[in-house]
PDB file of N, CA and C in Angstrom:
ATOM      1  N   MET A   1      -3.660  -1.580 -13.398  1.00  0.00           N
ATOM      2  CA  MET A   1      -2.464  -1.339 -13.531  1.00  0.00           C
ATOM      3  C   MET A   1      -1.188  -2.271 -14.357  1.00  0.00           C
ATOM      4  N   SER A   2      -0.001  -1.615 -14.572  1.00  0.00           N
ATOM      5  CA  SER A   2       0.735  -2.651 -15.939  1.00  0.00           C
ATOM      6  C   SER A   2       1.431  -3.175 -14.540  1.00  0.00           C
ATOM      7  N   ARG A   3       2.103  -3.939 -14.991  1.00  0.00           N
ATOM      8  CA  ARG A   3       3.020  -5.088 -14.354  1.00  0.00           C
ATOM      9  C   ARG A   3       4.032  -4.526 -14.329  1.00  0.00           C
ATOM     10  N   ALA A   4       5.418  -2.804 -14.816  1.00  0.00           N
ATOM     11  CA  ALA A   4       6.046  -2.586 -13.767  1.00  0.00           C
ATOM     12  C   ALA A   4       5.641  -1.685 -12.894  1.00  0.00           C
ATOM     13  N   TYR A   5       4.407  -1.305 -12.966  1.00  0.00           N
ATOM     14  CA  TYR A   5       3.440  -0.357 -11.208  1.00  0.00           C
ATOM     15  C   TYR A   5       3.413  -1.136 -10.380  1.00  0.00           C
ATOM     16  N   LYS A   6       3.141  -2.482 -10.760  1.00  0.00           N
ATOM     17  CA  LYS A   6       2.850  -2.993  -9.253  1.00  0.00           C
ATOM     18  C   LYS A   6       3.807  -3.987  -9.142  1.00  0.00           C
ATOM     19  N   ILE A   7       5.296  -4.011  -9.985  1.00  0.00           N
ATOM     20  CA  ILE A   7       6.607  -4.394  -9.461  1.00  0.00           C
ATOM     21  C   ILE A   7       7.310  -3.611  -8.551  1.00  0.00           C
ATOM     22  N   SER A   8       7.013  -2.020  -9.118  1.00  0.00           N
ATOM     23  CA  SER A   8       7.616  -1.052  -8.404  1.00  0.00           C
ATOM     24  C   SER A   8       6.932  -0.455  -7.432  1.00  0.00           C
ATOM     25  N   LEU A   9       5.644  -0.902  -6.688  1.00  0.00           N
ATOM     26  CA  LEU A   9       4.819  -0.379  -6.561  1.00  0.00           C
ATOM     27  C   LEU A   9       5.597  -1.635  -4.992  1.00  0.00           C
ATOM     28  N   ILE A  10       5.977  -2.703  -5.454  1.00  0.00           N
ATOM     29  CA  ILE A  10       5.438  -3.512  -4.168  1.00  0.00           C
ATOM     30  C   ILE A  10       7.203  -3.427  -3.588  1.00  0.00           C
ATOM     31  N   LEU A  11       8.401  -2.702  -4.534  1.00  0.00           N
ATOM     32  CA  LEU A  11       9.906  -2.563  -4.383  1.00  0.00           C
ATOM     33  C   LEU A  11       9.637  -1.116  -3.251  1.00  0.00           C
ATOM     34  N   LYS A  12       8.684  -0.140  -3.410  1.00  0.00           N
ATOM     35  CA  LYS A  12       8.380   0.965  -2.664  1.00  0.00           C
ATOM     36  C   LYS A  12       7.866   0.291  -1.399  1.00  0.00           C
ATOM     37  N   SER A  13       7.149  -0.782  -1.141  1.00  0.00           N
ATOM     38  CA  SER A  13       6.455  -0.831   0.198  1.00  0.00           C
ATOM     39  C   SER A  13       8.077  -1.254   1.430  1.00  0.00           C
ATOM     40  N   ARG A  14       7.607  -2.009   2.127  1.00  0.00           N
ATOM     41  CA  ARG A  14       8.513  -2.356   3.313  1.00  0.00           C
ATOM     42  C   ARG A  14       7.964  -4.132   2.928  1.00  0.00           C
ATOM     43  N   ASN A  15       7.258  -4.489   2.072  1.00  0.00           N
ATOM     44  CA  ASN A  15       7.491  -6.025   1.204  1.00  0.00           C
ATOM     45  C   ASN A  15       8.903  -7.121   1.628  1.00  0.00           C
ATOM     46  N   SER A  16       8.680  -7.845   2.252  1.00  0.00           N
ATOM     47  CA  SER A  16      10.231  -8.134   2.110  1.00  0.00           C
ATOM     48  C   SER A  16      10.044  -9.398   0.931  1.00  0.00           C
ATOM     49  N   LEU A  17       8.619 -10.015   0.040  1.00  0.00           N
ATOM     50  CA  LEU A  17       9.063 -10.212  -1.067  1.00  0.00           C
ATOM     51  C   LEU A  17       9.897 -10.558  -2.252  1.00  0.00           C
ATOM     52  N   PRO A  18      10.470  -8.995  -2.180  1.00  0.00           N
ATOM     53  CA  PRO A  18      12.084  -9.057  -2.942  1.00  0.00           C
ATOM     54  C   PRO A  18      13.064  -9.745  -2.672  1.00  0.00           C
ATOM     55  N   VAL A  19      13.287  -9.521  -1.592  1.00  0.00           N
ATOM     56  CA  VAL A  19      14.192 -10.419  -1.491  1.00  0.00           C
ATOM     57  C   VAL A  19      14.313 -11.567  -1.070  1.00  0.00           C
ATOM     58  N   TYR A  20      12.808 -12.658  -1.284  1.00  0.00           N
ATOM     59  CA  TYR A  20      12.842 -14.512  -1.369  1.00  0.00           C
ATOM     60  C   TYR A  20      12.726 -14.386  -2.656  1.00  0.00           C
ATOM     61  N   LYS A  21      12.475 -13.056  -3.782  1.00  0.00           N
ATOM     62  CA  LYS A  21      12.180 -14.150  -4.964  1.00  0.00           C
ATOM     63  C   LYS A  21      12.091 -13.141  -5.945  1.00  0.00           C
ATOM     64  N   ASP A  22      12.436 -13.285  -7.405  1.00  0.00           N
ATOM     65  CA  ASP A  22      12.539 -12.377  -8.006  1.00  0.00           C
ATOM     66  C   ASP A  22      11.361 -12.214  -8.817  1.00  0.00           C
ATOM     67  N   LEU A  23      11.173 -10.966  -8.752  1.00  0.00           N
ATOM     68  CA  LEU A  23       9.194 -10.118  -8.859  1.00  0.00           C
ATOM     69  C   LEU A  23       9.550 -10.511 -10.636  1.00  0.00           C
ATOM     70  N   ALA A  24      10.714 -10.370 -11.428  1.00  0.00           N
ATOM     71  CA  ALA A  24       9.984 -10.532 -12.775  1.00  0.00           C
ATOM     72  C   ALA A  24       9.195 -12.089 -13.138  1.00  0.00           C
ATOM     73  N   LYS A  25      10.027 -13.047 -12.356  1.00  0.00           N
ATOM     74  CA  LYS A  25       9.777 -14.281 -12.235  1.00  0.00           C
ATOM     75  C   LYS A  25       8.064 -14.769 -11.777  1.00  0.00           C
ATOM     76  N   LEU A  26       7.126 -13.414 -11.384  1.00  0.00           N
ATOM     77  CA  LEU A  26       6.444 -13.999 -10.763  1.00  0.00           C
ATOM     78  C   LEU A  26       5.133 -13.503 -11.911  1.00  0.00           C
ATOM     79  N   SER A  27       4.177 -15.071 -11.955  1.00  0.00           N
ATOM     80  CA  SER A  27       2.750 -14.983 -12.341  1.00  0.00           C
ATOM     81  C   SER A  27       1.947 -13.369 -12.344  1.00  0.00           C
ATOM     82  N   ASP A  28       0.943 -12.693 -13.695  1.00  0.00           N
ATOM     83  CA  ASP A  28       0.329 -11.726 -13.295  1.00  0.00           C
ATOM     84  C   ASP A  28      -0.497 -11.694 -11.753  1.00  0.00           C
ATOM     85  N   MET A  29      -1.288 -13.587 -11.653  1.00  0.00           N
ATOM     86  CA  MET A  29      -2.250 -13.651 -11.237  1.00  0.00           C
ATOM     87  C   MET A  29      -0.907 -13.165  -9.782  1.00  0.00           C
ATOM     88  N   GLU A  30      -0.204 -14.405  -9.381  1.00  0.00           N
ATOM     89  CA  GLU A  30       0.703 -13.818  -8.382  1.00  0.00           C
ATOM     90  C   GLU A  30       0.836 -12.484  -8.194  1.00  0.00           C
ATOM     91  N   LEU A  31       1.196 -11.569  -8.772  1.00  0.00           N
ATOM     92  CA  LEU A  31       1.896 -10.097  -8.532  1.00  0.00           C
ATOM     93  C   LEU A  31       0.498  -9.090  -7.779  1.00  0.00           C
ATOM     94  N   ASP A  32      -1.058  -9.317  -8.514  1.00  0.00           N
ATOM     95  CA  ASP A  32      -2.000  -9.160  -8.417  1.00  0.00           C
ATOM     96  C   ASP A  32      -2.487  -9.133  -6.748  1.00  0.00           C
ATOM     97  N   GLU A  33      -1.875 -11.179  -6.571  1.00  0.00           N
ATOM     98  CA  GLU A  33      -2.499 -11.335  -4.953  1.00  0.00           C
ATOM     99  C   GLU A  33      -1.172 -10.758  -3.947  1.00  0.00           C
ATOM    100  N   GLN A  34      -0.311  -9.856  -4.425  1.00  0.00           N
ATOM    101  CA  GLN A  34       0.284  -9.886  -3.698  1.00  0.00           C
ATOM    102  C   GLN A  34       0.685  -8.085  -3.529  1.00  0.00           C
ATOM    103  N   VAL A  35      -0.008  -7.761  -4.627  1.00  0.00           N
ATOM    104  CA  VAL A  35      -0.655  -5.885  -4.265  1.00  0.00           C
ATOM    105  C   VAL A  35      -2.177  -6.011  -3.753  1.00  0.00           C
ATOM    106  N   ARG A  36      -2.793  -6.690  -3.806  1.00  0.00           N
ATOM    107  CA  ARG A  36      -3.773  -6.550  -3.076  1.00  0.00           C
ATOM    108  C   ARG A  36      -3.720  -6.804  -1.898  1.00  0.00           C
ATOM    109  N   CYS A  37      -2.612  -7.554  -1.003  1.00  0.00           N
ATOM    110  CA  CYS A  37      -2.420  -7.895   0.441  1.00  0.00           C
ATOM    111  C   CYS A  37      -1.732  -6.661   0.750  1.00  0.00           C
ATOM    112  N   MET A  38      -1.081  -6.318   0.185  1.00  0.00           N
ATOM    113  CA  MET A  38      -0.350  -4.779   0.596  1.00  0.00           C
ATOM    114  C   MET A  38      -1.724  -3.714   0.727  1.00  0.00           C
ATOM    115  N   VAL A  39      -2.311  -3.648  -0.312  1.00  0.00           N
ATOM    116  CA  VAL A  39      -3.490  -2.457   0.205  1.00  0.00           C
ATOM    117  C   VAL A  39      -4.075  -2.948   1.133  1.00  0.00           C
ATOM    118  N   ARG A  40      -4.377  -4.495   1.424  1.00  0.00           N
ATOM    119  CA  ARG A  40      -5.576  -4.505   2.634  1.00  0.00           C
ATOM    120  C   ARG A  40      -4.675  -4.394   3.443  1.00  0.00           C
ATOM    121  N   ARG A  41      -3.326  -4.653   3.880  1.00  0.00           N
ATOM    122  CA  ARG A  41      -2.195  -4.909   5.159  1.00  0.00           C
ATOM    123  C   ARG A  41      -2.343  -2.126   5.408  1.00  0.00           C
ATOM    124  N   MET A  42      -2.124  -2.223   4.299  1.00  0.00           N
ATOM    125  CA  MET A  42      -2.336  -0.559   4.335  1.00  0.00           C
ATOM    126  C   MET A  42      -3.433   0.546   5.128  1.00  0.00           C
ATOM    127  N   ARG A  43      -4.523  -0.768   4.415  1.00  0.00           N
ATOM    128  CA  ARG A  43      -6.043   0.049   4.660  1.00  0.00           C
ATOM    129  C   ARG A  43      -6.583  -0.554   6.061  1.00  0.00           C
ATOM    130  N   ALA A  44      -5.752  -1.536   6.420  1.00  0.00           N
ATOM    131  CA  ALA A  44      -5.711  -2.346   8.103  1.00  0.00           C
ATOM    132  C   ALA A  44      -4.879  -1.189   8.996  1.00  0.00           C
ATOM    133  N   ASN A  45      -4.056  -0.530   8.392  1.00  0.00           N
ATOM    134  CA  ASN A  45      -2.720   0.185   9.510  1.00  0.00           C
ATOM    135  C   ASN A  45      -3.786   1.082   9.521  1.00  0.00           C
ATOM    136  N   GLU A  46      -3.988   1.713   8.747  1.00  0.00           N
ATOM    137  CA  GLU A  46      -4.742   3.291   8.473  1.00  0.00           C
ATOM    138  C   GLU A  46      -5.849   3.306   9.313  1.00  0.00           C
ATOM    139  N   SER A  47      -6.448   2.347   9.457  1.00  0.00           N
ATOM    140  CA  SER A  47      -7.945   2.634  10.037  1.00  0.00           C
ATOM    141  C   SER A  47      -7.613   2.642  10.925  1.00  0.00           C
ATOM    142  N   SER A  48      -6.784   1.963  12.216  1.00  0.00           N
ATOM    143  CA  SER A  48      -6.332   2.508  13.584  1.00  0.00           C
ATOM    144  C   SER A  48      -5.891   3.988  13.464  1.00  0.00           C
ATOM    145  N   ILE A  49      -5.768   4.077  12.583  1.00  0.00           N
ATOM    146  CA  ILE A  49      -4.478   5.530  12.658  1.00  0.00           C
ATOM    147  C   ILE A  49      -5.989   6.835  12.674  1.00  0.00           C
ATOM    148  N   ILE A  50      -6.541   6.719  11.641  1.00  0.00           N
ATOM    149  CA  ILE A  50      -7.753   7.364  11.707  1.00  0.00           C
ATOM    150  C   ILE A  50      -8.629   7.733  12.819  1.00  0.00           C
ATOM    151  N   ALA A  51      -9.345   6.596  13.395  1.00  0.00           N
ATOM    152  CA  ALA A  51      -9.957   6.087  14.506  1.00  0.00           C
ATOM    153  C   ALA A  51      -9.240   6.307  16.169  1.00  0.00           C
ATOM    154  N   ARG A  52      -7.895   6.454  16.376  1.00  0.00           N
ATOM    155  CA  ARG A  52      -7.036   7.466  16.960  1.00  0.00           C
ATOM    156  C   ARG A  52      -7.367   9.129  16.979  1.00  0.00           C
ATOM    157  N   MET A  53      -7.156   9.651  15.670  1.00  0.00           N
ATOM    158  CA  MET A  53      -7.047  10.819  15.232  1.00  0.00           C
ATOM    159  C   MET A  53      -7.697  11.821  16.231  1.00  0.00           C
ATOM    160  N   SER A  54      -7.791  13.403  16.730  1.00  0.00           N
ATOM    161  CA  SER A  54      -8.492  13.755  17.537  1.00  0.00           C
ATOM    162  C   SER A  54      -9.549  14.849  16.269  1.00  0.00           C
ATOM    163  N   LEU A  55     -10.487  15.214  16.884  1.00  0.00           N
ATOM    164  CA  LEU A  55     -11.124  15.702  16.107  1.00  0.00           C
ATOM    165  C   LEU A  55     -10.838  16.910  16.272  1.00  0.00           C
ATOM    166  N   ARG A  56     -10.857  18.025  15.284  1.00  0.00           N
ATOM    167  CA  ARG A  56     -10.884  19.394  15.927  1.00  0.00           C
ATOM    168  C   ARG A  56     -12.151  20.495  15.485  1.00  0.00           C
ATOM    169  N   GLN A  57     -11.587  21.535  16.049  1.00  0.00           N
ATOM    170  CA  GLN A  57     -13.217  22.635  15.333  1.00  0.00           C
ATOM    171  C   GLN A  57     -13.216  22.752  13.858  1.00  0.00           C
ATOM    172  N   PRO A  58     -14.123  23.143  13.376  1.00  0.00           N
ATOM    173  CA  PRO A  58     -13.274  23.483  11.828  1.00  0.00           C
ATOM    174  C   PRO A  58     -13.324  24.910  11.377  1.00  0.00           C
ATOM    175  N   THR A  59     -12.511  25.408  10.663  1.00  0.00           N
ATOM    176  CA  THR A  59     -11.964  26.794  11.432  1.00  0.00           C
ATOM    177  C   THR A  59     -11.931  27.530   9.805  1.00  0.00           C
ATOM    178  N   PHE A  60     -11.784  28.510   8.997  1.00  0.00           N
ATOM    179  CA  PHE A  60     -11.412  29.008   7.896  1.00  0.00           C
ATOM    180  C   PHE A  60     -10.704  30.064   7.470  1.00  0.00           C
ATOM    181  N   SER A  61      -9.814  30.798   7.059  1.00  0.00           N
ATOM    182  CA  SER A  61      -9.163  31.625   6.413  1.00  0.00           C
ATOM    183  C   SER A  61      -9.564  32.497   6.086  1.00  0.00           C
ATOM    184  N   LEU A  62      -9.156  33.823   5.799  1.00  0.00           N
ATOM    185  CA  LEU A  62      -9.834  34.909   4.845  1.00  0.00           C
ATOM    186  C   LEU A  62      -8.482  35.505   4.262  1.00  0.00           C
ATOM    187  N   ASN A  63      -7.580  33.989   3.945  1.00  0.00           N
ATOM    188  CA  ASN A  63      -6.672  34.253   3.422  1.00  0.00           C
ATOM    189  C   ASN A  63      -6.296  34.784   1.699  1.00  0.00           C
TER     190      ASN A  63
END
């Protein structure tokens, strides 16, 4: 991922980091760590949602 993409990803997320720090001044290593933490949190949040999803019988359509 490019540096600009990582910064835009952090800005679009619900991360409070942009409030406290200037993202352009972060080092590449710090940006990588923030993106990794964000993805880790997203995975943790999604796993509980997936676990609660109800299984439905498979269906098909003739459209």
